[in-house]
Amino acid sequence: MKFRLLFNHFREMKHYFIAVAIVFATGIFLGWQDSGQFSAFLSGGVEKMKPISDFVNSKENPQLWLFIIIFANNFSISIMFIFLGLFFGILPLFLLVSNGMILGYVLSLNNEGSTFMLILKGILPHGIFELSAVMIACAYGIKLGSLVGKMLLHLIVRKVGTTARAEFIRILKLTRPLILFIACMLLVAAVVESTISYWLLGG
């Protein structure tokens, strides 16, 4: 029943979903187009992934460890997107742009082969589930942040944000099915990334 309420609420969130997709796409464009300008920041983000890659490759069953790490990392990030959004939605926006820029930067470094093939093989199979889950989490984080802002503004201007508290409570009640839904999507994404994407990229 709560999943039905969540899916019904998705229709109300369509403008937020569109907005986060645009923000993420902007981050990818900036990372791709201005990789030189942001190279220090972006290369630092990429370098943080290297110890994880080395750790996975050192194991007897790298695909299993890859699955565990991918799922744990993406799930924790998604939860952060939702609840750090309480601080006026600023942190989810920053994390969304920075992760988009890192992805754009990685794509810009792909000089050895076709960028289209990298997207098709290495990103698209699991990215459909993973990016959708992360964007949904981010959209709800920004929504909660906007409602916190309206509630605070209501303390000063009584006519503003009169329905914000009720909507805030309604969304908080939806966070349990939301987290379960995101976990399922990320579980599928981790399976695909640690098997199909791993195989397509010659892992």
Protein backbone atom coordinates (compact mmCIF):
# COMPACT_ATOMS: atom_id res chain seq x y z
CA MET A 1 0.00 0.00 0.00
CA LYS A 2 2.79 2.42 0.88
CA PHE A 3 4.56 1.63 -2.39
CA ARG A 4 1.39 2.65 -4.21
CA LEU A 5 1.41 5.95 -2.29
CA LEU A 6 5.08 6.40 -3.19
CA PHE A 7 4.50 5.75 -6.89
CA ASN A 8 1.53 8.13 -6.85
CA HIS A 9 3.77 10.74 -5.25
CA PHE A 10 6.32 10.29 -8.04
CA ARG A 11 3.84 12.06 -10.34
CA GLU A 12 3.89 15.06 -8.01
CA MET A 13 7.69 15.01 -8.08
CA LYS A 14 8.05 15.09 -11.88
CA HIS A 15 9.35 18.68 -11.92
CA TYR A 16 12.00 17.79 -9.34
CA PHE A 17 13.02 14.72 -11.36
CA ILE A 18 13.40 16.85 -14.47
CA ALA A 19 15.38 19.47 -12.54
CA VAL A 20 17.90 16.98 -11.08
CA ALA A 21 18.34 15.36 -14.51
CA ILE A 22 19.19 18.79 -15.96
CA VAL A 23 21.59 19.55 -13.09
CA PHE A 24 23.35 16.19 -13.51
CA ALA A 25 23.58 16.65 -17.28
CA THR A 26 25.05 20.12 -16.69
CA GLY A 27 27.66 18.58 -14.39
CA ILE A 28 28.58 16.03 -17.08
CA PHE A 29 28.90 18.80 -19.66
CA LEU A 30 31.13 20.90 -17.38
CA GLY A 31 33.34 17.91 -16.60
CA TRP A 32 33.61 17.07 -20.28
CA GLN A 33 33.96 20.57 -21.71
CA ASP A 34 36.08 22.23 -19.00
CA SER A 35 38.08 19.22 -17.79
CA GLY A 36 41.28 21.28 -17.87
CA GLN A 37 39.86 24.01 -15.67
CA PHE A 38 38.61 21.57 -13.04
CA SER A 39 41.29 18.90 -13.55
CA ALA A 40 42.72 19.08 -10.01
CA PHE A 41 39.32 18.61 -8.40
CA LEU A 42 38.09 16.02 -10.88
CA SER A 43 41.28 13.96 -11.00
CA GLY A 44 41.16 13.86 -7.20
CA GLY A 45 37.70 12.32 -7.40
CA VAL A 46 38.89 9.75 -9.91
CA GLU A 47 42.00 8.94 -7.83
CA LYS A 48 39.80 8.06 -4.85
CA MET A 49 38.41 5.18 -6.91
CA LYS A 50 41.83 3.65 -7.62
CA PRO A 51 42.36 2.03 -4.17
CA ILE A 52 38.92 0.43 -4.48
CA SER A 53 39.81 -0.91 -7.93
CA ASP A 54 43.14 -2.27 -6.65
CA PHE A 55 41.41 -3.87 -3.66
CA VAL A 56 38.79 -5.58 -5.85
CA ASN A 57 41.36 -6.87 -8.35
CA SER A 58 43.45 -8.36 -5.55
CA LYS A 59 40.62 -10.63 -4.41
CA GLU A 60 39.99 -14.20 -5.57
CA ASN A 61 36.39 -13.34 -6.47
CA PRO A 62 36.59 -9.74 -7.74
CA GLN A 63 33.04 -9.72 -9.11
CA LEU A 64 31.54 -10.54 -5.72
CA TRP A 65 33.60 -7.85 -3.99
CA LEU A 66 32.76 -5.41 -6.78
CA PHE A 67 29.06 -6.11 -6.23
CA ILE A 68 29.33 -5.56 -2.44
CA ILE A 69 31.31 -2.33 -2.74
CA ILE A 70 29.16 -0.88 -5.53
CA PHE A 71 25.91 -1.57 -3.67
CA ALA A 72 27.17 -0.34 -0.28
CA ASN A 73 28.66 2.83 -1.78
CA ASN A 74 25.66 3.76 -3.92
CA PHE A 75 23.15 2.97 -1.18
CA SER A 76 24.97 5.10 1.41
CA ILE A 77 25.29 7.96 -1.08
CA SER A 78 21.58 7.78 -1.90
CA ILE A 79 20.62 7.92 1.78
CA MET A 80 22.91 10.93 2.14
CA PHE A 81 21.20 12.59 -0.83
CA ILE A 82 17.82 12.24 0.86
CA PHE A 83 18.59 13.33 4.42
CA LEU A 84 21.37 15.85 3.80
CA GLY A 85 18.78 17.61 1.70
CA LEU A 86 17.21 18.78 4.96
CA PHE A 87 19.87 21.51 4.94
CA PHE A 88 17.92 23.44 2.29
CA GLY A 89 18.80 20.96 -0.48
CA ILE A 90 22.26 22.47 -0.99
CA LEU A 91 24.38 19.36 -0.40
CA PRO A 92 22.45 17.07 -2.79
CA LEU A 93 22.82 19.69 -5.51
CA PHE A 94 26.56 19.99 -4.89
CA LEU A 95 27.07 16.21 -4.84
CA LEU A 96 24.96 15.80 -7.97
CA VAL A 97 26.96 18.39 -9.92
CA SER A 98 30.33 17.09 -8.68
CA ASN A 99 29.49 13.46 -9.53
CA GLY A 100 28.24 14.55 -12.96
CA MET A 101 31.48 16.46 -13.52
CA ILE A 102 33.57 13.42 -12.54
CA LEU A 103 31.62 11.28 -15.01
CA GLY A 104 32.09 13.89 -17.74
CA TYR A 105 35.79 14.11 -16.93
CA VAL A 106 36.21 10.32 -17.15
CA LEU A 107 34.44 10.30 -20.52
CA SER A 108 36.70 13.11 -21.78
CA LEU A 109 39.78 11.00 -20.95
CA ASN A 110 38.61 8.13 -23.13
CA ASN A 111 41.10 8.67 -25.94
CA GLU A 112 41.73 5.02 -26.72
CA GLY A 113 38.28 4.11 -27.98
CA SER A 114 34.83 5.32 -28.82
CA THR A 115 33.11 7.31 -26.08
CA PHE A 116 29.81 6.00 -27.41
CA MET A 117 30.95 2.42 -26.90
CA LEU A 118 32.18 3.24 -23.38
CA ILE A 119 28.74 4.61 -22.53
CA LEU A 120 27.00 1.68 -24.21
CA LYS A 121 29.10 -1.01 -22.54
CA GLY A 122 30.35 0.50 -19.31
CA ILE A 123 27.62 2.88 -18.18
CA LEU A 124 24.28 2.23 -19.83
CA PRO A 125 23.58 -1.37 -18.63
CA HIS A 126 23.74 -0.53 -14.93
CA GLY A 127 23.38 3.25 -15.24
CA ILE A 128 19.68 2.96 -16.12
CA PHE A 129 19.03 1.65 -12.60
CA GLU A 130 21.84 3.32 -10.68
CA LEU A 131 21.48 6.87 -12.00
CA SER A 132 17.68 6.70 -11.76
CA ALA A 133 17.90 5.65 -8.10
CA VAL A 134 20.43 8.36 -7.24
CA MET A 135 18.42 11.05 -9.03
CA ILE A 136 15.21 10.01 -7.27
CA ALA A 137 17.03 10.20 -3.93
CA CYS A 138 18.46 13.60 -4.82
CA ALA A 139 15.05 14.92 -5.92
CA TYR A 140 13.53 13.96 -2.58
CA GLY A 141 16.45 15.50 -0.71
CA ILE A 142 15.95 18.79 -2.54
CA LYS A 143 12.19 18.60 -1.96
CA LEU A 144 12.69 18.11 1.79
CA GLY A 145 15.16 20.99 1.83
CA SER A 146 12.71 23.31 0.08
CA LEU A 147 10.01 22.39 2.59
CA VAL A 148 12.36 23.12 5.50
CA GLY A 149 13.01 26.52 3.96
CA LYS A 150 9.28 27.18 3.59
CA MET A 151 8.60 26.15 7.19
CA LEU A 152 11.29 28.51 8.47
CA LEU A 153 9.97 31.30 6.26
CA HIS A 154 6.48 30.61 7.63
CA LEU A 155 7.73 31.58 11.10
CA ILE A 156 8.47 35.06 9.72
CA VAL A 157 5.77 35.47 7.07
CA ARG A 158 2.71 33.59 8.29
CA LYS A 159 1.03 33.47 4.88
CA VAL A 160 3.99 31.69 3.27
CA GLY A 161 4.42 27.92 3.49
CA THR A 162 1.14 27.18 5.26
CA THR A 163 1.00 23.63 3.85
CA ALA A 164 4.75 22.93 4.08
CA ARG A 165 4.61 21.16 7.46
CA ALA A 166 1.90 18.71 6.37
CA GLU A 167 3.76 17.96 3.12
CA PHE A 168 7.03 17.54 5.02
CA ILE A 169 5.47 14.97 7.35
CA ARG A 170 3.86 13.17 4.39
CA ILE A 171 7.21 12.82 2.60
CA LEU A 172 8.98 11.69 5.77
CA LYS A 173 6.42 8.87 6.03
CA LEU A 174 7.25 7.91 2.45
CA THR A 175 10.99 7.66 3.12
CA ARG A 176 10.73 4.03 4.30
CA PRO A 177 9.21 2.69 1.04
CA LEU A 178 11.44 5.15 -0.85
CA ILE A 179 14.60 3.69 0.73
CA LEU A 180 13.41 0.13 0.03
CA PHE A 181 12.62 1.04 -3.60
CA ILE A 182 16.03 2.68 -4.06
CA ALA A 183 17.74 -0.31 -2.44
CA CYS A 184 16.04 -2.66 -4.93
CA MET A 185 17.09 -0.51 -7.89
CA LEU A 186 20.67 -0.29 -6.65
CA LEU A 187 20.73 -4.03 -5.99
CA VAL A 188 19.85 -4.65 -9.64
CA ALA A 189 22.39 -2.02 -10.74
CA ALA A 190 25.15 -3.64 -8.66
CA VAL A 191 24.37 -7.08 -10.10
CA VAL A 192 24.47 -5.72 -13.66
CA GLU A 193 27.63 -3.66 -13.08
CA SER A 194 29.54 -6.51 -11.44
CA THR A 195 28.55 -9.02 -14.14
CA ILE A 196 27.39 -7.63 -17.51
CA SER A 197 29.30 -4.31 -17.42
CA TYR A 198 32.35 -6.05 -15.94
CA TRP A 199 32.28 -8.59 -18.76
CA LEU A 200 31.63 -6.03 -21.52
CA LEU A 201 34.59 -3.95 -20.38
CA GLY A 202 36.83 -6.98 -20.39
CA GLY A 203 37.08 -7.29 -16.59
